[in-house]
């Protein structure tokens, strides 16, 4: 699969796409957990274990905008954004 670099257009964050993080994403950037309200205050270890054993995910956007402001006053460095975001071409 071809790898795309994020152009910071914000299309993935507007809610029209499903954006999720898996165990590797969470281990690489634990602050992603904060983007999924259903995770509450679970630890990285708890979230990773649930992803690996129960097939759960960290849902960042689905039908509504994600919690992260996409490179503008960002909570995390976009170079550590979910692998999923790096697999899709950006667009406006």
N, C-alpha and C. Protein backbone atom coordinates (compact mmCIF):
# COMPACT_ATOMS: atom_id res chain seq x y z
N UNK A 1 0.84 -1.18 0.00
CA UNK A 1 0.00 0.00 0.00
C UNK A 1 0.89 1.24 0.00
N UNK A 2 0.56 2.19 -0.85
CA UNK A 2 1.31 3.43 -0.92
C UNK A 2 1.11 4.25 0.35
N UNK A 3 2.16 4.90 0.80
CA UNK A 3 2.09 5.70 2.02
C UNK A 3 1.98 7.18 1.65
N UNK A 4 1.02 7.86 2.25
CA UNK A 4 0.80 9.28 2.01
C UNK A 4 1.19 10.09 3.23
N UNK A 5 1.67 11.26 3.03
CA UNK A 5 1.97 12.18 4.13
C UNK A 5 0.75 13.06 4.36
N UNK A 6 0.49 13.36 5.60
CA UNK A 6 -0.64 14.21 5.96
C UNK A 6 -0.41 15.62 5.44
N UNK A 7 -1.40 16.16 4.73
CA UNK A 7 -1.28 17.54 4.25
C UNK A 7 -2.01 18.51 5.17
N UNK A 8 -2.48 17.98 6.32
CA UNK A 8 -3.13 18.78 7.37
C UNK A 8 -4.37 19.52 6.87
N UNK A 9 -5.09 18.89 5.92
CA UNK A 9 -6.29 19.53 5.38
C UNK A 9 -7.48 19.43 6.34
N UNK A 10 -7.46 18.45 7.24
CA UNK A 10 -8.52 18.29 8.20
C UNK A 10 -9.68 17.42 7.75
N UNK A 11 -9.63 16.86 6.54
CA UNK A 11 -10.73 16.05 6.03
C UNK A 11 -11.02 14.84 6.92
N UNK A 12 -9.99 14.25 7.48
CA UNK A 12 -10.19 13.06 8.32
C UNK A 12 -10.82 13.43 9.66
N UNK A 13 -10.74 14.66 10.05
CA UNK A 13 -11.20 15.09 11.37
C UNK A 13 -12.60 15.68 11.36
N UNK A 14 -13.20 15.83 10.19
CA UNK A 14 -14.50 16.49 10.11
C UNK A 14 -15.67 15.55 10.38
N UNK A 15 -15.38 14.27 10.58
CA UNK A 15 -16.43 13.33 10.92
C UNK A 15 -17.01 12.55 9.77
N UNK A 16 -16.64 12.86 8.54
CA UNK A 16 -17.19 12.13 7.41
C UNK A 16 -16.47 10.80 7.20
N UNK A 17 -15.32 10.63 7.81
CA UNK A 17 -14.57 9.38 7.74
C UNK A 17 -14.55 8.74 9.13
N UNK A 18 -14.39 7.42 9.15
CA UNK A 18 -14.16 6.73 10.41
C UNK A 18 -12.66 6.69 10.63
N UNK A 19 -12.22 7.26 11.74
CA UNK A 19 -10.79 7.29 12.07
C UNK A 19 -10.61 6.58 13.40
N UNK A 20 -9.79 5.53 13.37
CA UNK A 20 -9.58 4.75 14.58
C UNK A 20 -8.09 4.49 14.78
N UNK A 21 -7.74 4.24 16.03
CA UNK A 21 -6.35 3.93 16.37
C UNK A 21 -6.31 2.50 16.92
N UNK A 22 -5.24 1.79 16.60
CA UNK A 22 -5.10 0.43 17.12
C UNK A 22 -4.05 0.39 18.22
N UNK A 23 -3.67 -0.79 18.64
CA UNK A 23 -2.75 -0.94 19.77
C UNK A 23 -1.39 -0.30 19.50
N UNK A 24 -0.86 -0.44 18.30
CA UNK A 24 0.44 0.16 17.98
C UNK A 24 0.38 1.68 18.03
N UNK A 25 -0.73 2.24 17.53
CA UNK A 25 -0.91 3.69 17.57
C UNK A 25 -0.93 4.19 19.01
N UNK A 26 -1.67 3.50 19.86
CA UNK A 26 -1.81 3.90 21.27
C UNK A 26 -0.48 3.76 22.01
N UNK A 27 0.26 2.71 21.72
CA UNK A 27 1.57 2.55 22.37
C UNK A 27 2.53 3.64 21.93
N UNK A 28 2.46 4.02 20.65
CA UNK A 28 3.34 5.06 20.12
C UNK A 28 2.93 6.45 20.60
N UNK A 29 1.61 6.68 20.73
CA UNK A 29 1.12 8.00 21.16
C UNK A 29 -0.06 7.82 22.10
N UNK A 30 0.23 7.65 23.40
CA UNK A 30 -0.83 7.40 24.40
C UNK A 30 -1.90 8.47 24.47
N UNK A 31 -1.58 9.70 24.08
CA UNK A 31 -2.58 10.78 24.16
C UNK A 31 -3.75 10.56 23.21
N UNK A 32 -3.63 9.60 22.28
CA UNK A 32 -4.76 9.29 21.40
C UNK A 32 -5.96 8.78 22.19
N UNK A 33 -5.71 8.17 23.33
CA UNK A 33 -6.80 7.65 24.16
C UNK A 33 -7.78 8.76 24.52
N UNK A 34 -7.27 9.96 24.75
CA UNK A 34 -8.11 11.10 25.11
C UNK A 34 -9.08 11.48 24.01
N UNK A 35 -8.82 11.06 22.78
CA UNK A 35 -9.70 11.38 21.66
C UNK A 35 -10.95 10.52 21.60
N UNK A 36 -11.02 9.49 22.43
CA UNK A 36 -12.18 8.60 22.46
C UNK A 36 -12.82 8.68 23.84
N UNK A 37 -13.95 9.38 23.92
CA UNK A 37 -14.62 9.60 25.21
C UNK A 37 -14.98 8.30 25.90
N UNK A 38 -15.21 7.23 25.14
CA UNK A 38 -15.62 5.96 25.76
C UNK A 38 -14.49 5.29 26.53
N UNK A 39 -13.27 5.75 26.34
CA UNK A 39 -12.13 5.15 27.04
C UNK A 39 -12.00 5.64 28.48
N UNK A 40 -12.66 6.72 28.80
CA UNK A 40 -12.60 7.25 30.17
C UNK A 40 -11.17 7.53 30.58
N UNK A 41 -10.80 7.09 31.76
CA UNK A 41 -9.43 7.33 32.23
C UNK A 41 -8.64 6.02 32.30
N UNK A 42 -8.89 5.14 31.34
CA UNK A 42 -8.16 3.87 31.28
C UNK A 42 -6.68 4.13 31.00
N UNK A 43 -5.86 3.25 31.53
CA UNK A 43 -4.42 3.35 31.28
C UNK A 43 -4.10 2.81 29.89
N UNK A 44 -2.92 3.14 29.41
CA UNK A 44 -2.45 2.64 28.11
C UNK A 44 -2.49 1.11 28.13
N UNK A 45 -2.03 0.52 29.21
CA UNK A 45 -1.98 -0.94 29.31
C UNK A 45 -3.38 -1.55 29.20
N UNK A 46 -4.35 -0.93 29.86
CA UNK A 46 -5.73 -1.44 29.79
C UNK A 46 -6.28 -1.34 28.37
N UNK A 47 -6.07 -0.20 27.74
CA UNK A 47 -6.59 0.01 26.39
C UNK A 47 -5.92 -0.95 25.41
N UNK A 48 -4.61 -1.08 25.49
CA UNK A 48 -3.89 -1.99 24.59
C UNK A 48 -4.38 -3.43 24.79
N UNK A 49 -4.55 -3.84 26.04
CA UNK A 49 -5.01 -5.21 26.33
C UNK A 49 -6.40 -5.43 25.73
N UNK A 50 -7.31 -4.45 25.86
CA UNK A 50 -8.66 -4.60 25.29
C UNK A 50 -8.61 -4.65 23.76
N UNK A 51 -7.74 -3.88 23.17
CA UNK A 51 -7.61 -3.92 21.71
C UNK A 51 -7.12 -5.30 21.28
N UNK A 52 -6.10 -5.80 21.96
CA UNK A 52 -5.49 -7.07 21.57
C UNK A 52 -6.34 -8.29 21.89
N UNK A 53 -7.09 -8.25 22.98
CA UNK A 53 -7.83 -9.46 23.39
C UNK A 53 -9.32 -9.41 23.05
N UNK A 54 -9.89 -8.22 22.98
CA UNK A 54 -11.33 -8.10 22.75
C UNK A 54 -11.67 -7.48 21.40
N UNK A 55 -10.65 -7.12 20.62
CA UNK A 55 -10.89 -6.54 19.31
C UNK A 55 -11.43 -5.12 19.34
N UNK A 56 -11.28 -4.43 20.46
CA UNK A 56 -11.75 -3.05 20.57
C UNK A 56 -10.80 -2.11 19.84
N UNK A 57 -11.24 -0.88 19.65
CA UNK A 57 -10.43 0.15 19.00
C UNK A 57 -10.56 1.45 19.78
N UNK A 58 -9.72 2.41 19.45
CA UNK A 58 -9.87 3.77 19.95
C UNK A 58 -10.47 4.56 18.79
N UNK A 59 -11.69 5.01 18.97
CA UNK A 59 -12.43 5.69 17.90
C UNK A 59 -12.19 7.19 18.01
N UNK A 60 -11.57 7.75 16.99
CA UNK A 60 -11.21 9.17 17.01
C UNK A 60 -12.22 10.05 16.28
N UNK A 61 -12.85 9.52 15.25
CA UNK A 61 -13.87 10.27 14.53
C UNK A 61 -14.81 9.30 13.84
N UNK A 62 -16.10 9.62 13.90
CA UNK A 62 -17.11 8.79 13.22
C UNK A 62 -18.44 9.54 13.31
N UNK A 63 -18.76 10.28 12.30
CA UNK A 63 -20.02 11.02 12.29
C UNK A 63 -19.95 12.38 12.95
N UNK A 64 -18.85 12.66 13.63
CA UNK A 64 -18.63 13.99 14.20
C UNK A 64 -17.13 14.25 14.21
N UNK A 65 -16.77 15.49 14.34
CA UNK A 65 -15.36 15.88 14.29
C UNK A 65 -14.57 15.22 15.42
N UNK A 66 -13.31 14.92 15.16
CA UNK A 66 -12.47 14.34 16.20
C UNK A 66 -12.10 15.41 17.23
N UNK A 67 -11.55 14.96 18.34
CA UNK A 67 -11.23 15.86 19.45
C UNK A 67 -9.94 16.63 19.25
N UNK A 68 -9.16 16.25 18.25
CA UNK A 68 -7.85 16.88 18.04
C UNK A 68 -7.93 17.94 16.96
N UNK A 69 -7.32 19.10 17.19
CA UNK A 69 -7.43 20.22 16.24
C UNK A 69 -6.45 20.16 15.07
N UNK A 70 -6.07 19.01 14.64
CA UNK A 70 -5.39 18.78 13.36
C UNK A 70 -4.25 19.73 13.04
N UNK A 71 -3.25 19.74 13.87
CA UNK A 71 -2.05 20.50 13.55
C UNK A 71 -2.08 21.94 14.00
N UNK A 72 -3.23 22.45 14.36
CA UNK A 72 -3.34 23.81 14.87
C UNK A 72 -3.56 23.71 16.37
N UNK A 73 -2.61 24.11 17.17
CA UNK A 73 -2.63 23.95 18.62
C UNK A 73 -2.85 22.47 18.97
N UNK A 74 -2.21 21.60 18.22
CA UNK A 74 -2.44 20.16 18.33
C UNK A 74 -2.03 19.60 19.69
N UNK A 75 -2.78 18.61 20.15
CA UNK A 75 -2.45 17.92 21.38
C UNK A 75 -1.28 16.96 21.20
N UNK A 76 -1.04 16.58 19.97
CA UNK A 76 0.07 15.68 19.71
C UNK A 76 0.70 16.03 18.37
N UNK A 77 1.93 15.63 18.22
CA UNK A 77 2.70 15.88 17.00
C UNK A 77 2.12 15.04 15.88
N UNK A 78 1.75 15.66 14.76
CA UNK A 78 1.15 14.92 13.66
C UNK A 78 2.09 13.88 13.07
N UNK A 79 3.38 13.97 13.33
CA UNK A 79 4.29 12.94 12.85
C UNK A 79 4.05 11.63 13.59
N UNK A 80 3.31 11.68 14.70
CA UNK A 80 2.97 10.48 15.46
C UNK A 80 1.49 10.17 15.33
N UNK A 81 0.83 10.68 14.30
CA UNK A 81 -0.60 10.45 14.15
C UNK A 81 -0.85 8.98 13.79
N UNK A 82 -2.09 8.53 13.95
CA UNK A 82 -2.38 7.12 13.70
C UNK A 82 -1.91 6.66 12.34
N UNK A 83 -1.41 5.44 12.30
CA UNK A 83 -0.94 4.84 11.05
C UNK A 83 -2.02 4.91 9.98
N UNK A 84 -3.26 4.74 10.39
CA UNK A 84 -4.37 4.78 9.45
C UNK A 84 -4.38 6.08 8.66
N UNK A 85 -4.10 7.19 9.31
CA UNK A 85 -4.12 8.48 8.63
C UNK A 85 -3.03 8.57 7.58
N UNK A 86 -1.95 7.84 7.77
CA UNK A 86 -0.83 7.90 6.82
C UNK A 86 -1.09 7.03 5.59
N UNK A 87 -2.14 6.23 5.62
CA UNK A 87 -2.41 5.33 4.51
C UNK A 87 -3.37 5.93 3.48
N UNK A 88 -3.95 7.05 3.78
CA UNK A 88 -4.95 7.63 2.89
C UNK A 88 -4.55 9.02 2.43
N UNK A 89 -4.75 9.26 1.18
CA UNK A 89 -4.42 10.59 0.64
C UNK A 89 -5.35 11.62 1.23
N UNK A 90 -4.82 12.75 1.57
CA UNK A 90 -5.61 13.85 2.09
C UNK A 90 -6.36 14.53 0.95
N UNK A 91 -7.28 15.34 1.29
CA UNK A 91 -8.03 16.07 0.27
C UNK A 91 -9.00 17.03 0.90
N UNK A 92 -9.38 18.00 0.17
CA UNK A 92 -10.33 18.99 0.69
C UNK A 92 -11.72 18.69 0.15
